[in-house]
Protein backbone atom coordinates (compact mmCIF):
# COMPACT_ATOMS: atom_id res chain seq x y z
CA UNK A 1 20.19 -84.58 35.66
CA UNK A 2 21.72 -83.66 32.58
CA UNK A 3 23.75 -80.65 32.70
CA UNK A 4 21.88 -78.60 29.87
CA UNK A 5 24.71 -76.51 28.65
CA UNK A 6 27.38 -78.88 28.48
CA UNK A 7 24.37 -81.28 26.43
CA UNK A 8 23.91 -78.15 24.29
CA UNK A 9 27.36 -76.81 23.32
CA UNK A 10 28.40 -80.46 22.97
CA UNK A 11 25.27 -81.14 20.80
CA UNK A 12 25.85 -77.31 18.57
CA UNK A 13 29.54 -78.31 18.04
CA UNK A 14 28.79 -81.75 16.68
CA UNK A 15 26.63 -80.40 13.83
CA UNK A 16 28.53 -76.91 13.57
CA UNK A 17 25.06 -75.27 15.12
CA UNK A 18 24.81 -71.76 15.91
CA UNK A 19 24.58 -71.78 19.63
CA UNK A 20 21.52 -69.43 20.67
CA UNK A 21 21.65 -72.01 24.12
CA UNK A 22 24.35 -69.92 26.43
CA UNK A 23 22.84 -66.57 27.22
CA UNK A 24 26.05 -64.69 27.07
CA UNK A 25 27.41 -62.23 24.60
CA UNK A 26 29.47 -63.06 21.58
CA UNK A 27 31.45 -59.38 22.12
CA UNK A 28 33.28 -57.81 24.82
CA UNK A 29 31.52 -54.78 25.63
CA UNK A 30 32.27 -51.21 24.65
CA UNK A 31 36.02 -49.91 23.60
CA UNK A 32 36.17 -47.17 26.19
CA UNK A 33 35.70 -49.76 28.62
CA UNK A 34 37.66 -52.00 27.49
CA UNK A 35 40.25 -48.74 27.64
CA UNK A 36 39.59 -47.93 31.40
CA UNK A 37 39.77 -51.54 32.21
CA UNK A 38 43.58 -51.18 30.69
CA UNK A 39 44.64 -48.09 32.51
CA UNK A 40 43.32 -49.71 35.72
CA UNK A 41 45.17 -52.71 35.29
CA UNK A 42 48.41 -50.48 34.32
CA UNK A 43 48.34 -47.94 37.27
CA UNK A 44 46.16 -50.08 39.86
CA UNK A 45 44.48 -50.52 42.63
CA UNK A 46 46.04 -54.18 42.89
CA UNK A 47 45.55 -55.16 46.03
CA UNK A 48 42.57 -55.38 48.24
CA UNK A 49 40.13 -52.22 48.01
CA UNK A 50 37.45 -51.42 50.82
CA UNK A 51 35.18 -54.26 50.96
CA UNK A 52 31.89 -52.69 50.14
CA UNK A 53 33.39 -51.25 46.54
CA UNK A 54 35.97 -48.20 45.72
CA UNK A 55 34.74 -45.00 46.84
CA UNK A 56 34.48 -44.29 42.96
CA UNK A 57 32.50 -46.97 41.64
CA UNK A 58 29.64 -46.55 44.76
CA UNK A 59 29.67 -43.07 43.60
CA UNK A 60 29.04 -43.83 40.14
CA UNK A 61 26.38 -46.26 40.96
CA UNK A 62 24.51 -43.43 43.12
CA UNK A 63 24.86 -41.25 39.91
CA UNK A 64 23.47 -44.43 38.05
CA UNK A 65 20.47 -44.73 40.00
CA UNK A 66 19.85 -41.14 39.84
CA UNK A 67 20.56 -40.50 43.16
CA UNK A 68 17.96 -43.15 45.20
CA UNK A 69 20.95 -44.33 47.29
CA UNK A 70 23.58 -43.70 49.61
CA UNK A 71 27.05 -44.47 48.72
CA UNK A 72 28.57 -44.67 51.83
CA UNK A 73 25.78 -47.05 53.46
CA UNK A 74 23.33 -48.00 50.94
CA UNK A 75 25.73 -49.47 47.40
CA UNK A 76 27.61 -52.59 47.71
CA UNK A 77 29.82 -53.79 45.71
CA UNK A 78 30.25 -57.51 45.00
CA UNK A 79 31.83 -60.10 43.17
CA UNK A 80 28.73 -60.45 40.26
CA UNK A 81 24.90 -60.58 40.74
CA UNK A 82 25.04 -63.93 41.53
CA UNK A 83 27.15 -62.99 44.75
CA UNK A 84 25.07 -60.46 45.78
CA UNK A 85 21.73 -62.16 45.68
CA UNK A 86 23.79 -64.98 47.42
CA UNK A 87 24.55 -62.16 50.37
CA UNK A 88 21.02 -60.60 50.35
CA UNK A 89 19.76 -64.66 50.81
CA UNK A 90 21.98 -65.06 53.61
CA UNK A 91 21.76 -61.65 55.27
CA UNK A 92 17.64 -62.28 55.64
CA UNK A 93 17.00 -65.81 55.28
CA UNK A 94 16.39 -68.28 58.71
CA UNK A 95 16.73 -71.97 58.10
CA UNK A 96 13.36 -73.09 56.63
CA UNK A 97 12.59 -69.72 55.42
CA UNK A 98 10.06 -70.06 52.38
CA UNK A 99 11.51 -67.97 49.51
CA UNK A 100 8.46 -67.13 46.23
CA UNK A 101 10.60 -67.70 43.14
CA UNK A 102 8.65 -66.81 39.78
CA UNK A 103 9.16 -70.20 37.42
CA UNK A 104 10.32 -70.63 34.73
CA UNK A 105 13.35 -69.04 37.24
CA UNK A 106 16.87 -68.90 36.22
CA UNK A 107 18.66 -72.26 37.42
CA UNK A 108 20.74 -71.04 40.11
CA UNK A 109 17.87 -69.37 42.48
CA UNK A 110 16.92 -73.11 43.97
CA UNK A 111 20.60 -74.06 44.95
CA UNK A 112 21.27 -70.24 46.42
CA UNK A 113 18.27 -70.49 48.56
CA UNK A 114 19.00 -74.18 49.64
CA UNK A 115 22.61 -72.69 50.60
CA UNK A 116 21.47 -70.05 52.34
CA UNK A 117 18.94 -72.41 54.35
CA UNK A 118 15.87 -71.74 52.89
CA UNK A 119 13.01 -73.64 50.93
CA UNK A 120 12.45 -72.46 47.23
CA UNK A 121 8.58 -72.04 46.71
CA UNK A 122 8.11 -72.24 43.04
CA UNK A 123 5.30 -69.39 41.53
CA UNK A 124 3.94 -69.67 38.12
CA UNK A 125 4.12 -67.62 35.17
CA UNK A 126 1.79 -68.72 32.68
CA UNK A 127 1.46 -68.16 29.26
CA UNK A 128 -1.18 -66.18 27.62
CA UNK A 129 -1.42 -65.49 24.48
CA UNK A 130 2.07 -64.34 23.41
CA UNK A 131 3.74 -63.34 27.19
CA UNK A 132 3.69 -64.53 30.54
CA UNK A 133 2.57 -63.01 33.22
CA UNK A 134 1.92 -63.80 37.22
CA UNK A 135 -1.38 -64.13 39.17
CA UNK A 136 -1.43 -62.84 42.94
CA UNK A 137 -3.59 -65.56 43.58
CA UNK A 138 -0.83 -67.97 42.69
CA UNK A 139 1.50 -66.04 45.75
CA UNK A 140 1.45 -69.05 48.62
CA UNK A 141 1.74 -67.24 52.33
CA UNK A 142 2.56 -69.67 54.55
CA UNK A 143 6.51 -70.03 55.56
CA UNK A 144 7.41 -67.60 52.94
CA UNK A 145 10.04 -64.81 54.11
CA UNK A 146 11.21 -63.30 51.05
CA UNK A 147 10.41 -62.86 46.96
CA UNK A 148 13.02 -63.36 44.61
CA UNK A 149 11.71 -61.21 41.92
CA UNK A 150 13.88 -61.12 38.53
CA UNK A 151 12.74 -58.23 36.16
CA UNK A 152 12.82 -58.25 33.48
CA UNK A 153 12.83 -61.82 33.62
CA UNK A 154 15.29 -65.03 32.30
CA UNK A 155 14.03 -66.94 30.59
CA UNK A 156 10.28 -65.70 29.89
CA UNK A 157 11.21 -62.03 28.98
CA UNK A 158 8.38 -61.05 31.12
CA UNK A 159 8.51 -57.06 32.99
CA UNK A 160 5.77 -56.73 35.32
CA UNK A 161 2.77 -54.13 33.94
CA UNK A 162 1.96 -51.58 36.41
CA UNK A 163 -1.05 -53.22 37.96
CA UNK A 164 1.18 -56.66 38.33
CA UNK A 165 4.15 -55.04 40.54
CA UNK A 166 1.43 -52.92 42.73
CA UNK A 167 -0.06 -56.32 43.61
CA UNK A 168 3.14 -58.05 44.26
CA UNK A 169 4.25 -55.05 46.08
CA UNK A 170 0.87 -54.48 48.34
CA UNK A 171 1.43 -58.43 48.72
CA UNK A 172 4.92 -58.17 49.96
CA UNK A 173 3.99 -55.14 52.41
CA UNK A 174 1.14 -57.57 53.48
CA UNK A 175 3.08 -60.10 54.89
CA UNK A 176 6.50 -58.30 55.62
CA UNK A 177 8.72 -59.62 52.89
CA UNK A 178 11.96 -58.60 51.94
CA UNK A 179 12.21 -58.49 48.43
CA UNK A 180 15.42 -59.66 46.70
CA UNK A 181 15.10 -58.00 43.21
CA UNK A 182 17.49 -58.93 40.60
CA UNK A 183 17.52 -56.52 38.13
CA UNK A 184 20.65 -57.57 36.03
CA UNK A 185 18.55 -57.35 32.68
CA UNK A 186 17.75 -53.52 34.00
CA UNK A 187 18.70 -51.42 30.56
CA UNK A 188 16.98 -53.78 28.60
CA UNK A 189 13.43 -53.39 27.26
CA UNK A 190 11.31 -52.96 24.84
CA UNK A 191 8.59 -50.77 25.27
CA UNK A 192 7.27 -49.87 28.68
CA UNK A 193 10.75 -48.79 30.40
CA UNK A 194 11.92 -50.98 33.64
CA UNK A 195 10.14 -49.91 37.07
CA UNK A 196 12.02 -51.64 39.82
CA UNK A 197 9.86 -52.97 42.55
CA UNK A 198 12.15 -50.91 45.35
CA UNK A 199 10.87 -47.34 43.58
CA UNK A 200 6.52 -48.64 44.49
CA UNK A 201 5.14 -47.46 47.95
CA UNK A 202 6.14 -49.15 50.92
CA UNK A 203 9.03 -51.19 49.34
CA UNK A 204 12.52 -49.66 49.50
CA UNK A 205 12.57 -50.53 53.00
CA UNK A 206 12.72 -53.92 52.04
CA UNK A 207 13.98 -54.49 48.58
CA UNK A 208 17.59 -55.29 48.07
CA UNK A 209 18.24 -55.13 44.21
CA UNK A 210 20.85 -56.61 42.58
CA UNK A 211 22.66 -55.87 39.55
CA UNK A 212 25.54 -56.11 37.99
CA UNK A 213 27.88 -54.95 35.09
CA UNK A 214 27.81 -58.30 33.67
CA UNK A 215 24.41 -57.75 31.49
CA UNK A 216 24.36 -53.72 31.81
CA UNK A 217 28.10 -53.25 29.64
CA UNK A 218 28.23 -56.89 28.23
CA UNK A 219 30.99 -57.82 30.23
CA UNK A 220 29.98 -61.25 32.33
CA UNK A 221 33.29 -62.46 32.76
CA UNK A 222 34.58 -59.02 34.88
CA UNK A 223 31.91 -60.39 37.79
CA UNK A 224 31.48 -57.05 38.98
CA UNK A 225 28.26 -56.38 40.48
CA UNK A 226 25.87 -54.94 43.42
CA UNK A 227 23.31 -54.18 45.90
CA UNK A 228 21.33 -51.62 46.73
CA UNK A 229 19.37 -51.71 49.71
CA UNK A 230 18.47 -49.37 52.93
CA UNK A 231 20.89 -49.02 55.41
CA UNK A 232 19.57 -51.78 57.71
CA UNK A 233 19.63 -54.45 55.43
CA UNK A 234 22.97 -53.00 53.49
CA UNK A 235 24.32 -53.92 56.86
CA UNK A 236 24.02 -57.19 57.42
CA UNK A 237 24.18 -58.12 54.08
CA UNK A 238 28.25 -55.89 53.92
CA UNK A 239 28.56 -58.40 56.68
CA UNK A 240 27.90 -61.78 55.21
CA UNK A 241 29.96 -60.25 52.06
CA UNK A 242 33.00 -59.44 53.97
CA UNK A 243 33.58 -63.28 54.75
CA UNK A 244 32.37 -64.25 51.11
CA UNK A 245 34.53 -62.85 48.92
CA UNK A 246 35.41 -59.78 51.03
CA UNK A 247 35.95 -57.84 47.87
CA UNK A 248 35.82 -57.97 43.82
CA UNK A 249 38.13 -57.22 41.76
CA UNK A 250 39.89 -53.98 42.26
CA UNK A 251 41.12 -52.42 38.45
CA UNK A 252 37.62 -53.90 36.96
CA UNK A 253 35.95 -51.59 39.98
CA UNK A 254 37.56 -48.83 38.28
CA UNK A 255 36.81 -49.79 35.01
CA UNK A 256 33.17 -49.97 35.61
CA UNK A 257 33.24 -46.57 37.36
CA UNK A 258 34.50 -45.29 34.06
CA UNK A 259 32.10 -47.33 32.03
CA UNK A 260 29.31 -46.43 33.56
CA UNK A 261 29.90 -42.88 33.09
CA UNK A 262 30.42 -42.97 29.87
CA UNK A 263 27.28 -44.51 28.83
CA UNK A 264 25.27 -42.55 30.72
CA UNK A 265 26.57 -39.78 29.15
CA UNK A 266 26.59 -41.19 25.27
CA UNK A 267 23.33 -42.69 25.05
CA UNK A 268 24.87 -45.81 24.62
CA UNK A 269 22.48 -47.89 26.86
CA UNK A 270 19.28 -46.89 24.51
CA UNK A 271 21.66 -47.38 21.34
CA UNK A 272 22.35 -50.93 22.68
CA UNK A 273 18.42 -51.49 23.53
CA UNK A 274 17.85 -50.53 19.80
CA UNK A 275 20.71 -52.79 18.75
CA UNK A 276 18.81 -56.03 20.77
CA UNK A 277 15.65 -55.05 19.83
CA UNK A 278 16.45 -55.82 15.78
CA UNK A 279 17.99 -59.38 16.78
CA UNK A 280 15.03 -59.88 18.58
CA UNK A 281 12.99 -58.94 15.34
CA UNK A 282 15.26 -61.50 13.20
CA UNK A 283 14.47 -64.41 15.99
CA UNK A 284 11.47 -64.15 16.83
CA UNK A 285 10.42 -63.80 12.48
CA UNK A 286 12.57 -66.88 12.35
CA UNK A 287 11.26 -69.05 15.24
CA UNK A 288 7.44 -68.20 13.88
CA UNK A 289 8.72 -69.63 10.03
CA UNK A 290 10.29 -72.51 11.91
CA UNK A 291 6.75 -73.17 12.92
CA UNK A 292 7.57 -72.84 17.05
CA UNK A 293 5.60 -70.56 19.00
CA UNK A 294 8.11 -68.08 20.50
CA UNK A 295 6.44 -65.91 23.26
CA UNK A 296 7.18 -61.87 22.90
CA UNK A 297 9.61 -60.53 25.73
CA UNK A 298 9.46 -57.37 26.47
CA UNK A 299 12.80 -57.26 28.61
CA UNK A 300 16.11 -59.08 28.52
CA UNK A 301 17.75 -60.96 25.43
CA UNK A 302 16.04 -64.49 25.18
CA UNK A 303 12.83 -65.78 23.56
CA UNK A 304 11.25 -68.83 25.11
CA UNK A 305 9.69 -71.09 22.75
CA UNK A 306 7.32 -73.65 22.03
CA UNK A 307 8.17 -76.89 19.86
CA UNK A 308 5.37 -77.93 17.23
CA UNK A 309 4.95 -81.51 19.17
CA UNK A 310 2.62 -81.08 21.57
CA UNK A 311 4.63 -82.44 24.88
CA UNK A 312 8.33 -82.92 22.96
CA UNK A 313 11.08 -83.82 24.98
CA UNK A 314 12.96 -80.91 24.94
CA UNK A 315 16.30 -82.41 24.41
CA UNK A 316 15.13 -84.15 21.46
CA UNK A 317 13.58 -81.12 20.27
CA UNK A 318 16.66 -79.49 20.53
CA UNK A 319 18.39 -82.33 18.82
CA UNK A 320 15.79 -82.25 15.84
CA UNK A 321 16.21 -78.49 15.47
CA UNK A 322 20.18 -78.68 15.50
CA UNK A 323 20.09 -81.21 12.51
CA UNK A 324 17.43 -80.23 10.46
CA UNK A 325 18.17 -76.18 11.18
CA UNK A 326 21.90 -75.93 12.04
CA UNK A 327 20.12 -74.13 15.41
CA UNK A 328 20.53 -74.75 19.17
CA UNK A 329 18.41 -73.48 21.44
CA UNK A 330 18.79 -74.51 25.33
CA UNK A 331 16.39 -77.03 27.01
CA UNK A 332 14.45 -75.61 30.37
CA UNK A 333 14.22 -78.23 32.12
CA UNK A 334 16.72 -77.00 34.82
CA UNK A 335 14.30 -73.94 34.86
CA UNK A 336 11.74 -75.31 36.45
CA UNK A 337 10.64 -77.36 39.61
CA UNK A 338 9.19 -80.32 38.05
CA UNK A 339 11.07 -81.41 34.98
CA UNK A 340 8.42 -82.60 33.12
CA UNK A 341 6.87 -78.85 32.79
CA UNK A 342 9.09 -78.08 30.41
CA UNK A 343 7.95 -80.25 27.91
CA UNK A 344 8.29 -78.62 24.31
CA UNK A 345 10.36 -75.13 25.57
CA UNK A 346 13.43 -74.19 24.06
CA UNK A 347 15.13 -70.75 25.17
CA UNK A 348 17.04 -69.10 22.67
CA UNK A 349 19.50 -66.18 23.44
CA UNK A 350 19.75 -63.26 20.84
CA UNK A 351 22.69 -61.13 22.55
CA UNK A 352 24.73 -62.33 19.97
CA UNK A 353 26.63 -60.37 17.10
CA UNK A 354 24.56 -59.05 14.34
CA UNK A 355 26.10 -61.62 11.75
CA UNK A 356 25.19 -64.09 14.21
CA UNK A 357 22.00 -63.84 14.07
CA UNK A 358 21.15 -63.46 10.21
CA UNK A 359 22.73 -66.31 10.32
CA UNK A 360 20.50 -68.11 12.65
CA UNK A 361 17.45 -66.34 10.88
CA UNK A 362 18.54 -67.74 7.47
CA UNK A 363 18.84 -71.45 8.78
CA UNK A 364 15.53 -71.30 10.21
CA UNK A 365 13.63 -69.72 7.73
CA UNK A 366 15.15 -72.14 4.64
CA UNK A 367 14.17 -75.28 3.27
CA UNK A 368 12.98 -77.53 5.28
CA UNK A 369 15.16 -80.38 5.01
CA UNK A 370 14.54 -84.68 6.12
CA UNK A 371 13.31 -85.14 9.68
CA UNK A 372 12.35 -81.80 10.34
CA UNK A 373 8.81 -81.05 11.87
């Protein structure tokens, strides 16, 4: 299978296109965060710290989550959310256990599940109008041990409503599932605030919440993440983490602790949401003007859009879009267990500087050129 990221990057580079395929901010987070990192690199710590994370960062995370988790027994700092997810899965799965994954899904999930001996079980997210929904009736039962729940969701922007979330929680309790909740986009929502599944009745004791500074503070390359879970699940997860990376980068843990506190005190998360909402609006408007059919994301920083050509090969659609409009998206083949389900679907990221999004808007809404569709 072709690597969608490499193909997209090469295509965008060849035609000098605005590349909205990569879900990575093209800016480096707030300047106070940089200052905190510089201080930490200068002053330390520079050696190993406690495997579960520095006391300073675990305390800052306890504050960030309003005291919902004990920093000593229920919070673990990891080398990014991806490591948190893998440690969570490895700590709860036995060989052959099924893991329910709403699909389309972030393409790292199935390999992560398999690497832990599990079996990915796709559950369809279905598009209704301009949004995606999950029907609990589509949740299979046989052999399932866990639910890997990403909300706000990559790539659809889906955020389960109260009824959907309640149904998922009821299903998990009834079938004694562990929920591994990837909530890296927890601060990015455009309407109803994000609500963690762990807050629903019966869910805290069976949920491992994974998040990170990557999307929360726009520093994807720092690789500082965390896992929140009751003490019983945390103990098992820490055993895996200790022999995976041992500890996350020590100076950057200090910087993230300072950054979380600064962001909470200054209202930066709300300001970031407002900026992303503007870019989201530009992208939705531009895709509709170009004849595409975008879903309206309730959270995260992606728009999943359908090409005007029914059943279109997503690589060919992306190629035409780059050549005719000078904008690249990301083909969705690796986000589906069956690549044919990605027909006509591209993901566009709006986590880019405003001038970049304005340029993409101009290109997508400009005059049609030869070969356009």
